[in-house]
Each structure stands twice: as C-alpha cells, then as structure tokens.
Amino acid sequence: MLLGRLPLVLSPARRGERIMSVFAELARHVDEHLLDHGGVLFRGFHVDGVAGFRELAAAFGHPLLGYEFGSTPRTKLVEGVYSSTEYPAHQHIPLHNEQAYSREWPMKIWFYCALAAEEGGETPIADSREVYRRVDARIRERFVRHGLMYVRNFGNGLDVPWPKVFETDDRAAVSAYCERHGIVCEWKDDGELRTRQTCQAVARHPKTGDMVWFNQAHLFHISGLEAEVREALLDVVSEDELPRNVYYGNGEPIEDSVLDEIRGVLDELKVSFPWETGDVLMLDNMLTAHARNPFKGPRKIVAAMAEGYSEREG
C-alpha cells in the first residue's frame, strides 16, 4: 500500500486489484489512520460498480443508513446508497459535515466516483478540528452559548417535498419522526410542512475528544445565496416562508458578516484533489467536512453513510 498525506491515499501494489480481496489490510490502515487524517482515499482498485461500493461500505461493520430528513435532492440507487446531491453542474456546494443541521448524524460517509467529470467536479475536504480553532473566539462563544435554530419550509416548488425528505407520504409518520428527534413540526393550511430544530454549533468527537466545528449555518443562511437570487426569492415569499434559513438558538438573526467570516475560514482550509474514476473516499464525518466544485460533462458520484450518532446518546 502507498501512504499519502491529506487525505491519506491507499493504493494497491498492482493497479486494478479487487478492493474486497484486500479488505482486511485496508480496514487495518483505516483503523490506524482515519482518526488522525480524517479521510482515506482508496485509489487504483477495482470496486465493481455501485454494488461493489455498497459491499465495501457495509464491510466496515455498521448497517448503512437511509437519508431521512435530508436537506438536498438525492436518488436512492440501492439500499443504503444514494446519488450525491442533485444540484445543477454549475453550482458550488460549500463545505459541510453531513447532517450537521440535525441532532443525529452519520459518523462515517463514503463517496464512490463511478465517473469522473471531464472538468472540475472535485469533492474538496477540510479539517473540522482546524476550523473550530480558526473561527474567531467571540463568534464561537456566541454560537456555542445560543446554539442554532434551523427553519425549513418544504415543497411549494422551492425546495425538496416533505414526502421525499422523510421517505414517506404519511403525515402521522412524519410527525412521529419529528417528535422523536426534537423537531418542532407545523403543518400549514396548504398541506405543506414547516420544521424548526435547535441544534449544536460545535461538537466533541466521541473517540478522539477533539472539538470540531459542526453546523451548517453558513449553508442554510440566506446570505449564502447570490444577491440577485436572494432578492428574487424574498419578492416571492416572506422570510418565514423561505425554503431554509438559520438563526441563533434564541431566535435572533445571525449577522451576514459573521457568516462571511466563517466562510473565509472554510475557504482557507479547503483541500482539493481531482477525482479518478473508481476512487472511493471514506471520511470521518465529524472530523472532516466535504464540498463539491462545479463541473462540465457527465459526472457520477454516489454516497453511503453509516454509524449513526447523537451526543444525547453519547
């Protein structure tokens, strides 16, 4: 195996070797290095498509998770494997930790490059421990003290419909899910759904003890939209009807300048590498954030998640 830097790169002695034939050795490297590096890139192996990718992710010992309460459009390909976020190719997806806008999240996430884009389409990553350290202490203290309240309005042609988000069209099942997960659930007169949930801004990794920056305030906040898009959206709906937005946990608005400063830290720490068709990237979801660069030409990246965790359960 060849060991690289960031992310750690594992490659076979003979290119094209079946990845599952050397899984035990790969798993040993992951056990030894994932918590230090935050991410491992398997490159040069034969993965055997989406089915082989699912087998690989599941072999690490935890049932693969569904995408309930997801925040972006995805398609389930096989049980436990989803398309990456289905946003137009010209759009950039900022750095984020998967489902950090909720109180429960996957500890592990894998990405499989079934087809690399002709141009662009990288999945940049960043060290969430270093983000925590770099964010101004005054901002960090206020985020920690208040927490963050995420507000989502589903459907109405502006965001993902709630039956797709919750993978059911049973309103009672959705209400029960929200109650179990501490989500305030409001059914509006038009049959659409609004949710509110107050969540963490930072978190402590259960194995390393490291503090990590762990939220999606910069992504949910309306200041993340281009100015013309923001203006056009507010011409159509009031602020409380926006598809998504985020406030301090006490309901006060978060200043645009604060989010801009956080975005600046994330940009400084971004690490990018070109995908090669057949690559698999494994991340510790708390230690490492991920993003998506715009691209040209066909691109197929699929994802799987496992090892659900909540600080409430510890």
C-alpha atoms as a PDB file:
ATOM      1  CA  MET A   1       0.000   0.000   0.000  1.00  0.00           C
ATOM      2  CA  LEU A   2       1.137   3.557  -0.731  1.00  0.00           C
ATOM      3  CA  LEU A   3       0.504   6.055   2.047  1.00  0.00           C
ATOM      4  CA  GLY A   4      -0.098   9.695   1.114  1.00  0.00           C
ATOM      5  CA  ARG A   5      -0.887  12.866   3.089  1.00  0.00           C
ATOM      6  CA  LEU A   6      -4.239  14.673   3.032  1.00  0.00           C
ATOM      7  CA  PRO A   7      -6.328  12.719   2.521  1.00  0.00           C
ATOM      8  CA  LEU A   8      -4.404   9.560   3.286  1.00  0.00           C
ATOM      9  CA  VAL A   9      -4.099   7.658  -0.017  1.00  0.00           C
ATOM     10  CA  LEU A  10      -4.200   3.857  -0.133  1.00  0.00           C
ATOM     11  CA  SER A  11      -3.320   2.224  -3.457  1.00  0.00           C
ATOM     12  CA  PRO A  12      -2.703  -1.421  -4.431  1.00  0.00           C
ATOM     13  CA  ALA A  13       0.675  -2.814  -5.416  1.00  0.00           C
ATOM     14  CA  ARG A  14      -0.963  -3.911  -8.669  1.00  0.00           C
ATOM     15  CA  ARG A  15      -3.406  -1.401 -10.178  1.00  0.00           C
ATOM     16  CA  GLY A  16      -6.853  -2.848 -10.720  1.00  0.00           C
ATOM     17  CA  GLU A  17      -6.712  -5.282  -7.809  1.00  0.00           C
ATOM     18  CA  ARG A  18     -10.174  -6.090  -6.478  1.00  0.00           C
ATOM     19  CA  ILE A  19     -10.718  -3.951  -3.413  1.00  0.00           C
ATOM     20  CA  MET A  20     -12.566  -6.619  -1.436  1.00  0.00           C
ATOM     21  CA  SER A  21      -9.704  -9.089  -1.936  1.00  0.00           C
ATOM     22  CA  VAL A  22      -7.504  -6.887   0.270  1.00  0.00           C
ATOM     23  CA  PHE A  23     -10.228  -5.512   2.530  1.00  0.00           C
ATOM     24  CA  ALA A  24      -8.680  -6.808   5.752  1.00  0.00           C
ATOM     25  CA  GLU A  25      -5.473  -4.895   5.062  1.00  0.00           C
ATOM     26  CA  LEU A  26      -7.375  -1.753   4.089  1.00  0.00           C
ATOM     27  CA  ALA A  27      -9.508  -1.952   7.234  1.00  0.00           C
ATOM     28  CA  ARG A  28      -6.359  -2.180   9.334  1.00  0.00           C
ATOM     29  CA  HIS A  29      -4.986   1.010   7.736  1.00  0.00           C
ATOM     30  CA  VAL A  30      -8.328   2.748   8.309  1.00  0.00           C
ATOM     31  CA  ASP A  31      -8.331   1.722  11.974  1.00  0.00           C
ATOM     32  CA  GLU A  32      -4.790   3.039  12.387  1.00  0.00           C
ATOM     33  CA  HIS A  33      -5.029   6.291  10.435  1.00  0.00           C
ATOM     34  CA  LEU A  34      -8.589   7.564   9.885  1.00  0.00           C
ATOM     35  CA  LEU A  35      -8.854   9.433  13.176  1.00  0.00           C
ATOM     36  CA  ASP A  36      -5.529  11.204  12.534  1.00  0.00           C
ATOM     37  CA  HIS A  37      -6.145  12.137   8.907  1.00  0.00           C
ATOM     38  CA  GLY A  38      -9.951  12.407   8.928  1.00  0.00           C
ATOM     39  CA  GLY A  39     -10.183  10.894   5.446  1.00  0.00           C
ATOM     40  CA  VAL A  40      -8.849   7.992   3.384  1.00  0.00           C
ATOM     41  CA  LEU A  41      -8.826   7.821  -0.421  1.00  0.00           C
ATOM     42  CA  PHE A  42      -8.809   4.346  -1.980  1.00  0.00           C
ATOM     43  CA  ARG A  43      -7.296   4.778  -5.449  1.00  0.00           C
ATOM     44  CA  GLY A  44      -6.403   2.332  -8.202  1.00  0.00           C
ATOM     45  CA  PHE A  45      -8.606  -0.549  -7.023  1.00  0.00           C
ATOM     46  CA  HIS A  46     -11.332  -2.382  -8.915  1.00  0.00           C
ATOM     47  CA  VAL A  47     -14.519  -1.625  -6.973  1.00  0.00           C
ATOM     48  CA  ASP A  48     -17.082  -3.423  -9.166  1.00  0.00           C
ATOM     49  CA  GLY A  49     -19.553  -0.578  -9.545  1.00  0.00           C
ATOM     50  CA  VAL A  50     -22.275   0.614  -7.199  1.00  0.00           C
ATOM     51  CA  ALA A  51     -22.939  -2.887  -5.883  1.00  0.00           C
ATOM     52  CA  GLY A  52     -19.259  -3.337  -5.054  1.00  0.00           C
ATOM     53  CA  PHE A  53     -19.176   0.075  -3.408  1.00  0.00           C
ATOM     54  CA  ARG A  54     -22.104  -0.877  -1.201  1.00  0.00           C
ATOM     55  CA  GLU A  55     -20.353  -4.114  -0.244  1.00  0.00           C
ATOM     56  CA  LEU A  56     -17.212  -2.170   0.667  1.00  0.00           C
ATOM     57  CA  ALA A  57     -19.003   0.410   2.839  1.00  0.00           C
ATOM     58  CA  ALA A  58     -21.077  -2.246   4.609  1.00  0.00           C
ATOM     59  CA  ALA A  59     -17.966  -4.362   5.281  1.00  0.00           C
ATOM     60  CA  PHE A  60     -16.756  -1.802   7.828  1.00  0.00           C
ATOM     61  CA  GLY A  61     -19.271  -3.286  10.213  1.00  0.00           C
ATOM     62  CA  HIS A  62     -22.210  -0.883  10.573  1.00  0.00           C
ATOM     63  CA  PRO A  63     -25.584  -1.011   8.778  1.00  0.00           C
ATOM     64  CA  LEU A  64     -25.830   1.600   6.047  1.00  0.00           C
ATOM     65  CA  LEU A  65     -28.160   4.482   6.850  1.00  0.00           C
ATOM     66  CA  GLY A  66     -31.091   5.967   4.986  1.00  0.00           C
ATOM     67  CA  TYR A  67     -31.329   9.651   4.159  1.00  0.00           C
ATOM     68  CA  GLU A  68     -34.322  10.663   6.268  1.00  0.00           C
ATOM     69  CA  PHE A  69     -34.521  14.405   6.976  1.00  0.00           C
ATOM     70  CA  GLY A  70     -32.032  15.084   4.195  1.00  0.00           C
ATOM     71  CA  SER A  71     -31.574  18.664   3.077  1.00  0.00           C
ATOM     72  CA  THR A  72     -30.851  18.193  -0.634  1.00  0.00           C
ATOM     73  CA  PRO A  73     -32.363  16.220  -3.552  1.00  0.00           C
ATOM     74  CA  ARG A  74     -30.921  12.713  -3.939  1.00  0.00           C
ATOM     75  CA  THR A  75     -31.996   9.420  -5.502  1.00  0.00           C
ATOM     76  CA  LYS A  76     -31.767   6.058  -3.752  1.00  0.00           C
ATOM     77  CA  LEU A  77     -29.852   3.726  -6.085  1.00  0.00           C
ATOM     78  CA  VAL A  78     -29.808   0.586  -3.943  1.00  0.00           C
ATOM     79  CA  GLU A  79     -30.477   0.146  -0.234  1.00  0.00           C
ATOM     80  CA  GLY A  80     -28.054   2.417   1.620  1.00  0.00           C
ATOM     81  CA  VAL A  81     -26.537   4.031  -1.498  1.00  0.00           C
ATOM     82  CA  TYR A  82     -27.681   7.400  -2.839  1.00  0.00           C
ATOM     83  CA  SER A  83     -26.733   9.746  -5.615  1.00  0.00           C
ATOM     84  CA  SER A  84     -24.695  12.719  -4.499  1.00  0.00           C
ATOM     85  CA  THR A  85     -26.617  15.992  -4.222  1.00  0.00           C
ATOM     86  CA  GLU A  86     -28.504  16.600  -7.465  1.00  0.00           C
ATOM     87  CA  TYR A  87     -27.794  20.300  -7.917  1.00  0.00           C
ATOM     88  CA  PRO A  88     -27.024  21.753 -11.367  1.00  0.00           C
ATOM     89  CA  ALA A  89     -23.440  21.240 -12.518  1.00  0.00           C
ATOM     90  CA  HIS A  90     -22.584  24.962 -12.450  1.00  0.00           C
ATOM     91  CA  GLN A  91     -23.407  25.302  -8.745  1.00  0.00           C
ATOM     92  CA  HIS A  92     -20.862  25.090  -5.953  1.00  0.00           C
ATOM     93  CA  ILE A  93     -21.797  23.208  -2.761  1.00  0.00           C
ATOM     94  CA  PRO A  94     -19.981  24.709   0.245  1.00  0.00           C
ATOM     95  CA  LEU A  95     -18.002  22.700   2.760  1.00  0.00           C
ATOM     96  CA  HIS A  96     -20.200  20.980   5.319  1.00  0.00           C
ATOM     97  CA  ASN A  97     -20.407  17.942   7.594  1.00  0.00           C
ATOM     98  CA  GLU A  98     -23.240  15.638   6.605  1.00  0.00           C
ATOM     99  CA  GLN A  99     -26.462  16.291   8.564  1.00  0.00           C
ATOM    100  CA  ALA A 100     -24.727  18.694  10.966  1.00  0.00           C
ATOM    101  CA  TYR A 101     -28.001  20.689  10.817  1.00  0.00           C
ATOM    102  CA  SER A 102     -29.613  17.988  12.982  1.00  0.00           C
ATOM    103  CA  ARG A 103     -29.021  16.357  16.361  1.00  0.00           C
ATOM    104  CA  GLU A 104     -28.177  12.978  14.838  1.00  0.00           C
ATOM    105  CA  TRP A 105     -25.677  12.285  12.080  1.00  0.00           C
ATOM    106  CA  PRO A 106     -23.553   9.564  10.481  1.00  0.00           C
ATOM    107  CA  MET A 107     -20.043   9.113  11.832  1.00  0.00           C
ATOM    108  CA  LYS A 108     -18.840   7.644   8.531  1.00  0.00           C
ATOM    109  CA  ILE A 109     -19.531   8.669   4.954  1.00  0.00           C
ATOM    110  CA  TRP A 110     -18.174   7.209   1.706  1.00  0.00           C
ATOM    111  CA  PHE A 111     -18.135   8.630  -1.823  1.00  0.00           C
ATOM    112  CA  TYR A 112     -17.589   6.485  -4.910  1.00  0.00           C
ATOM    113  CA  CYS A 113     -16.540   8.076  -8.191  1.00  0.00           C
ATOM    114  CA  ALA A 114     -18.299   5.921 -10.774  1.00  0.00           C
ATOM    115  CA  LEU A 115     -17.463   8.511 -13.438  1.00  0.00           C
ATOM    116  CA  ALA A 116     -15.132  11.491 -13.063  1.00  0.00           C
ATOM    117  CA  ALA A 117     -16.216  14.741 -14.734  1.00  0.00           C
ATOM    118  CA  GLU A 118     -14.413  15.989 -17.831  1.00  0.00           C
ATOM    119  CA  GLU A 119     -13.574  19.178 -15.948  1.00  0.00           C
ATOM    120  CA  GLY A 120     -13.953  20.123 -12.274  1.00  0.00           C
ATOM    121  CA  GLY A 121     -16.340  18.254 -10.009  1.00  0.00           C
ATOM    122  CA  GLU A 122     -13.849  17.735  -7.197  1.00  0.00           C
ATOM    123  CA  THR A 123     -15.032  16.967  -3.658  1.00  0.00           C
ATOM    124  CA  PRO A 124     -12.893  19.317  -1.538  1.00  0.00           C
ATOM    125  CA  ILE A 125     -12.447  18.492   2.142  1.00  0.00           C
ATOM    126  CA  ALA A 126     -11.396  20.392   5.267  1.00  0.00           C
ATOM    127  CA  ASP A 127     -10.306  19.546   8.808  1.00  0.00           C
ATOM    128  CA  SER A 128     -13.205  20.401  11.143  1.00  0.00           C
ATOM    129  CA  ARG A 129     -10.845  20.461  14.133  1.00  0.00           C
ATOM    130  CA  GLU A 130      -8.829  23.212  12.500  1.00  0.00           C
ATOM    131  CA  VAL A 131     -11.995  25.106  11.512  1.00  0.00           C
ATOM    132  CA  TYR A 132     -13.014  25.103  15.187  1.00  0.00           C
ATOM    133  CA  ARG A 133      -9.618  26.512  16.158  1.00  0.00           C
ATOM    134  CA  ARG A 134      -9.569  29.180  13.428  1.00  0.00           C
ATOM    135  CA  VAL A 135     -13.074  30.611  13.904  1.00  0.00           C
ATOM    136  CA  ASP A 136     -12.852  33.820  15.938  1.00  0.00           C
ATOM    137  CA  ALA A 137     -13.313  33.016  19.639  1.00  0.00           C
ATOM    138  CA  ARG A 138     -16.076  35.615  20.039  1.00  0.00           C
ATOM    139  CA  ILE A 139     -18.083  34.102  17.207  1.00  0.00           C
ATOM    140  CA  ARG A 140     -17.502  30.612  18.511  1.00  0.00           C
ATOM    141  CA  GLU A 141     -18.580  31.571  22.035  1.00  0.00           C
ATOM    142  CA  ARG A 142     -21.848  33.098  20.822  1.00  0.00           C
ATOM    143  CA  PHE A 143     -22.623  30.096  18.620  1.00  0.00           C
ATOM    144  CA  VAL A 144     -21.935  27.714  21.493  1.00  0.00           C
ATOM    145  CA  ARG A 145     -23.947  29.746  24.017  1.00  0.00           C
ATOM    146  CA  HIS A 146     -27.083  30.010  21.897  1.00  0.00           C
ATOM    147  CA  GLY A 147     -26.898  27.049  19.564  1.00  0.00           C
ATOM    148  CA  LEU A 148     -28.529  27.299  16.146  1.00  0.00           C
ATOM    149  CA  MET A 149     -32.172  27.115  15.090  1.00  0.00           C
ATOM    150  CA  TYR A 150     -32.754  25.744  11.588  1.00  0.00           C
ATOM    151  CA  VAL A 151     -36.078  26.602   9.951  1.00  0.00           C
ATOM    152  CA  ARG A 152     -37.214  24.685   6.874  1.00  0.00           C
ATOM    153  CA  ASN A 153     -40.271  25.078   4.639  1.00  0.00           C
ATOM    154  CA  PHE A 154     -40.727  22.073   2.383  1.00  0.00           C
ATOM    155  CA  GLY A 155     -42.249  21.903  -1.078  1.00  0.00           C
ATOM    156  CA  ASN A 156     -44.115  24.730  -2.853  1.00  0.00           C
ATOM    157  CA  GLY A 157     -41.776  24.207  -5.794  1.00  0.00           C
ATOM    158  CA  LEU A 158     -38.923  25.904  -3.917  1.00  0.00           C
ATOM    159  CA  ASP A 159     -37.360  23.015  -2.026  1.00  0.00           C
ATOM    160  CA  VAL A 160     -37.471  19.235  -1.703  1.00  0.00           C
ATOM    161  CA  PRO A 161     -41.037  17.996  -0.990  1.00  0.00           C
ATOM    162  CA  TRP A 162     -41.516  16.584   2.504  1.00  0.00           C
ATOM    163  CA  PRO A 163     -42.538  13.063   1.297  1.00  0.00           C
ATOM    164  CA  LYS A 164     -39.148  12.764  -0.420  1.00  0.00           C
ATOM    165  CA  VAL A 165     -37.259  14.154   2.571  1.00  0.00           C
ATOM    166  CA  PHE A 166     -38.895  11.771   5.048  1.00  0.00           C
ATOM    167  CA  GLU A 167     -39.273   8.899   2.558  1.00  0.00           C
ATOM    168  CA  THR A 168     -42.990   8.580   3.367  1.00  0.00           C
ATOM    169  CA  ASP A 169     -46.224  10.391   2.472  1.00  0.00           C
ATOM    170  CA  ASP A 170     -47.799   9.539   5.857  1.00  0.00           C
ATOM    171  CA  ARG A 171     -48.183  12.790   7.809  1.00  0.00           C
ATOM    172  CA  ALA A 172     -48.594  10.931  11.082  1.00  0.00           C
ATOM    173  CA  ALA A 173     -45.305   9.099  10.496  1.00  0.00           C
ATOM    174  CA  VAL A 174     -43.563  12.402   9.770  1.00  0.00           C
ATOM    175  CA  SER A 175     -44.997  13.992  12.918  1.00  0.00           C
ATOM    176  CA  ALA A 176     -43.862  10.993  14.968  1.00  0.00           C
ATOM    177  CA  TYR A 177     -40.358  11.183  13.467  1.00  0.00           C
ATOM    178  CA  CYS A 178     -40.146  14.879  14.344  1.00  0.00           C
ATOM    179  CA  GLU A 179     -41.308  14.277  17.914  1.00  0.00           C
ATOM    180  CA  ARG A 180     -38.689  11.542  18.418  1.00  0.00           C
ATOM    181  CA  HIS A 181     -35.922  13.799  17.121  1.00  0.00           C
ATOM    182  CA  GLY A 182     -36.796  17.031  18.910  1.00  0.00           C
ATOM    183  CA  ILE A 183     -38.051  18.770  15.761  1.00  0.00           C
ATOM    184  CA  VAL A 184     -40.944  21.227  16.009  1.00  0.00           C
ATOM    185  CA  CYS A 185     -43.345  20.196  13.252  1.00  0.00           C
ATOM    186  CA  GLU A 186     -46.014  22.561  11.857  1.00  0.00           C
ATOM    187  CA  TRP A 187     -48.482  21.500   9.163  1.00  0.00           C
ATOM    188  CA  LYS A 188     -49.618  24.551   7.228  1.00  0.00           C
ATOM    189  CA  ASP A 189     -53.059  25.161   5.765  1.00  0.00           C
ATOM    190  CA  ASP A 190     -51.878  24.280   2.264  1.00  0.00           C
ATOM    191  CA  GLY A 191     -50.682  20.852   3.414  1.00  0.00           C
ATOM    192  CA  GLU A 192     -47.026  21.780   3.354  1.00  0.00           C
ATOM    193  CA  LEU A 193     -44.658  21.408   6.283  1.00  0.00           C
ATOM    194  CA  ARG A 194     -42.501  23.791   8.332  1.00  0.00           C
ATOM    195  CA  THR A 195     -39.950  22.471  10.827  1.00  0.00           C
ATOM    196  CA  ARG A 196     -37.751  24.103  13.447  1.00  0.00           C
ATOM    197  CA  GLN A 197     -34.921  22.441  15.291  1.00  0.00           C
ATOM    198  CA  THR A 198     -32.353  23.859  17.682  1.00  0.00           C
ATOM    199  CA  CYS A 199     -29.001  22.113  17.299  1.00  0.00           C
ATOM    200  CA  GLN A 200     -25.356  22.229  18.245  1.00  0.00           C
ATOM    201  CA  ALA A 201     -22.840  24.647  16.732  1.00  0.00           C
ATOM    202  CA  VAL A 202     -19.817  22.612  17.775  1.00  0.00           C
ATOM    203  CA  ALA A 203     -19.378  19.021  18.941  1.00  0.00           C
ATOM    204  CA  ARG A 204     -16.877  16.789  20.692  1.00  0.00           C
ATOM    205  CA  HIS A 205     -15.686  13.726  18.803  1.00  0.00           C
ATOM    206  CA  PRO A 206     -16.605  10.660  20.885  1.00  0.00           C
ATOM    207  CA  LYS A 207     -13.330   8.814  20.216  1.00  0.00           C
ATOM    208  CA  THR A 208     -10.640  11.489  19.933  1.00  0.00           C
ATOM    209  CA  GLY A 209     -12.163  14.024  22.337  1.00  0.00           C
ATOM    210  CA  ASP A 210     -11.404  16.782  19.815  1.00  0.00           C
ATOM    211  CA  MET A 211     -13.761  19.741  19.492  1.00  0.00           C
ATOM    212  CA  VAL A 212     -14.998  20.263  15.932  1.00  0.00           C
ATOM    213  CA  TRP A 213     -16.917  23.000  14.145  1.00  0.00           C
ATOM    214  CA  PHE A 214     -20.132  21.136  13.392  1.00  0.00           C
ATOM    215  CA  ASN A 215     -23.038  23.041  11.881  1.00  0.00           C
ATOM    216  CA  GLN A 216     -24.408  24.233   8.546  1.00  0.00           C
ATOM    217  CA  ALA A 217     -25.216  27.833   9.453  1.00  0.00           C
ATOM    218  CA  HIS A 218     -23.180  29.217   6.534  1.00  0.00           C
ATOM    219  CA  LEU A 219     -25.025  26.900   4.143  1.00  0.00           C
ATOM    220  CA  PHE A 220     -28.619  27.361   5.406  1.00  0.00           C
ATOM    221  CA  HIS A 221     -28.417  31.111   5.982  1.00  0.00           C
ATOM    222  CA  ILE A 222     -29.980  33.285   3.284  1.00  0.00           C
ATOM    223  CA  SER A 223     -26.697  35.181   2.935  1.00  0.00           C
ATOM    224  CA  GLY A 224     -25.333  32.074   1.229  1.00  0.00           C
ATOM    225  CA  LEU A 225     -27.437  32.880  -1.842  1.00  0.00           C
ATOM    226  CA  GLU A 226     -26.284  35.138  -4.641  1.00  0.00           C
ATOM    227  CA  ALA A 227     -27.642  38.657  -4.111  1.00  0.00           C
ATOM    228  CA  GLU A 228     -29.981  38.551  -7.120  1.00  0.00           C
ATOM    229  CA  VAL A 229     -31.344  35.130  -6.115  1.00  0.00           C
ATOM    230  CA  ARG A 230     -31.869  36.333  -2.559  1.00  0.00           C
ATOM    231  CA  GLU A 231     -33.779  39.411  -3.741  1.00  0.00           C
ATOM    232  CA  ALA A 232     -35.896  37.419  -6.174  1.00  0.00           C
ATOM    233  CA  LEU A 233     -36.778  34.845  -3.519  1.00  0.00           C
ATOM    234  CA  LEU A 234     -37.807  37.500  -0.994  1.00  0.00           C
ATOM    235  CA  ASP A 235     -40.013  39.060  -3.674  1.00  0.00           C
ATOM    236  CA  VAL A 236     -41.935  35.769  -3.832  1.00  0.00           C
ATOM    237  CA  VAL A 237     -42.074  34.694  -0.176  1.00  0.00           C
ATOM    238  CA  SER A 238     -41.694  36.291   3.246  1.00  0.00           C
ATOM    239  CA  GLU A 239     -38.642  35.479   5.347  1.00  0.00           C
ATOM    240  CA  ASP A 240     -40.529  32.955   7.490  1.00  0.00           C
ATOM    241  CA  GLU A 241     -41.539  31.087   4.306  1.00  0.00           C
ATOM    242  CA  LEU A 242     -38.028  30.739   2.894  1.00  0.00           C
ATOM    243  CA  PRO A 243     -37.174  27.146   1.973  1.00  0.00           C
ATOM    244  CA  ARG A 244     -34.441  27.225   4.629  1.00  0.00           C
ATOM    245  CA  ASN A 245     -32.824  29.663   6.972  1.00  0.00           C
ATOM    246  CA  VAL A 246     -30.990  29.614  10.277  1.00  0.00           C
ATOM    247  CA  TYR A 247     -30.973  31.802  13.394  1.00  0.00           C
ATOM    248  CA  TYR A 248     -29.223  31.827  16.731  1.00  0.00           C
ATOM    249  CA  GLY A 249     -30.929  29.344  19.016  1.00  0.00           C
ATOM    250  CA  ASN A 250     -32.756  32.168  20.816  1.00  0.00           C
ATOM    251  CA  GLY A 251     -34.365  33.228  17.521  1.00  0.00           C
ATOM    252  CA  GLU A 252     -32.176  36.278  16.890  1.00  0.00           C
ATOM    253  CA  PRO A 253     -30.863  36.764  13.338  1.00  0.00           C
ATOM    254  CA  ILE A 254     -27.271  35.802  12.563  1.00  0.00           C
ATOM    255  CA  GLU A 255     -25.305  38.701  11.093  1.00  0.00           C
ATOM    256  CA  ASP A 256     -24.237  38.305   7.456  1.00  0.00           C
ATOM    257  CA  SER A 257     -20.739  39.461   8.406  1.00  0.00           C
ATOM    258  CA  VAL A 258     -20.387  36.589  10.887  1.00  0.00           C
ATOM    259  CA  LEU A 259     -21.280  34.013   8.240  1.00  0.00           C
ATOM    260  CA  ASP A 260     -18.900  35.660   5.767  1.00  0.00           C
ATOM    261  CA  GLU A 261     -16.072  35.344   8.294  1.00  0.00           C
ATOM    262  CA  ILE A 262     -16.846  31.664   8.809  1.00  0.00           C
ATOM    263  CA  ARG A 263     -16.901  31.090   5.045  1.00  0.00           C
ATOM    264  CA  GLY A 264     -13.497  32.737   4.844  1.00  0.00           C
ATOM    265  CA  VAL A 265     -12.067  30.259   7.353  1.00  0.00           C
ATOM    266  CA  LEU A 266     -13.528  27.341   5.421  1.00  0.00           C
ATOM    267  CA  ASP A 267     -12.060  28.622   2.153  1.00  0.00           C
ATOM    268  CA  GLU A 268      -8.612  28.930   3.742  1.00  0.00           C
ATOM    269  CA  LEU A 269      -8.658  25.320   4.915  1.00  0.00           C
ATOM    270  CA  LYS A 270     -10.079  23.692   1.777  1.00  0.00           C
ATOM    271  CA  VAL A 271      -8.056  20.799   0.323  1.00  0.00           C
ATOM    272  CA  SER A 272      -8.935  19.676  -3.201  1.00  0.00           C
ATOM    273  CA  PHE A 273      -7.825  16.767  -5.377  1.00  0.00           C
ATOM    274  CA  PRO A 274      -9.021  15.551  -8.798  1.00  0.00           C
ATOM    275  CA  TRP A 275     -11.283  12.515  -8.854  1.00  0.00           C
ATOM    276  CA  GLU A 276     -10.241   9.454 -10.827  1.00  0.00           C
ATOM    277  CA  THR A 277     -12.964   7.081 -11.982  1.00  0.00           C
ATOM    278  CA  GLY A 278     -13.051   4.204  -9.490  1.00  0.00           C
ATOM    279  CA  ASP A 279     -11.904   6.252  -6.476  1.00  0.00           C
ATOM    280  CA  VAL A 280     -13.560   5.758  -3.080  1.00  0.00           C
ATOM    281  CA  LEU A 281     -13.243   8.470  -0.422  1.00  0.00           C
ATOM    282  CA  MET A 282     -14.001   7.499   3.187  1.00  0.00           C
ATOM    283  CA  LEU A 283     -14.436  10.299   5.728  1.00  0.00           C
ATOM    284  CA  ASP A 284     -14.951  10.553   9.436  1.00  0.00           C
ATOM    285  CA  ASN A 285     -17.938  12.880   9.128  1.00  0.00           C
ATOM    286  CA  MET A 286     -17.223  14.758  12.351  1.00  0.00           C
ATOM    287  CA  LEU A 287     -13.534  15.317  11.679  1.00  0.00           C
ATOM    288  CA  THR A 288     -13.781  16.231   8.001  1.00  0.00           C
ATOM    289  CA  ALA A 289     -16.150  18.463   6.036  1.00  0.00           C
ATOM    290  CA  HIS A 290     -16.750  17.998   2.309  1.00  0.00           C
ATOM    291  CA  ALA A 291     -17.959  20.125  -0.609  1.00  0.00           C
ATOM    292  CA  ARG A 292     -18.493  19.969  -4.376  1.00  0.00           C
ATOM    293  CA  ASN A 293     -16.934  22.050  -7.120  1.00  0.00           C
ATOM    294  CA  PRO A 294     -18.800  22.934 -10.327  1.00  0.00           C
ATOM    295  CA  PHE A 295     -18.126  20.644 -13.283  1.00  0.00           C
ATOM    296  CA  LYS A 296     -18.542  20.076 -17.004  1.00  0.00           C
ATOM    297  CA  GLY A 297     -19.555  16.882 -18.718  1.00  0.00           C
ATOM    298  CA  PRO A 298     -21.140  13.770 -17.211  1.00  0.00           C
ATOM    299  CA  ARG A 299     -20.250  13.017 -13.580  1.00  0.00           C
ATOM    300  CA  LYS A 300     -21.451  10.250 -11.270  1.00  0.00           C
ATOM    301  CA  ILE A 301     -20.589  10.278  -7.583  1.00  0.00           C
ATOM    302  CA  VAL A 302     -22.596   8.129  -5.183  1.00  0.00           C
ATOM    303  CA  ALA A 303     -22.598   8.112  -1.396  1.00  0.00           C
ATOM    304  CA  ALA A 304     -23.243   5.852   1.574  1.00  0.00           C
ATOM    305  CA  MET A 305     -23.412   6.617   5.303  1.00  0.00           C
ATOM    306  CA  ALA A 306     -23.171   4.523   8.463  1.00  0.00           C
ATOM    307  CA  GLU A 307     -22.765   4.567  12.241  1.00  0.00           C
ATOM    308  CA  GLY A 308     -25.475   6.964  13.372  1.00  0.00           C
ATOM    309  CA  TYR A 309     -24.554   9.057  16.400  1.00  0.00           C
ATOM    310  CA  SER A 310     -26.128  11.590  18.729  1.00  0.00           C
ATOM    311  CA  GLU A 311     -24.387  13.463  21.522  1.00  0.00           C
ATOM    312  CA  ARG A 312     -27.517  12.922  23.603  1.00  0.00           C
ATOM    313  CA  GLU A 313     -26.836   9.182  23.490  1.00  0.00           C
ATOM    314  CA  GLY A 314     -23.045   9.551  23.564  1.00  0.00           C
END
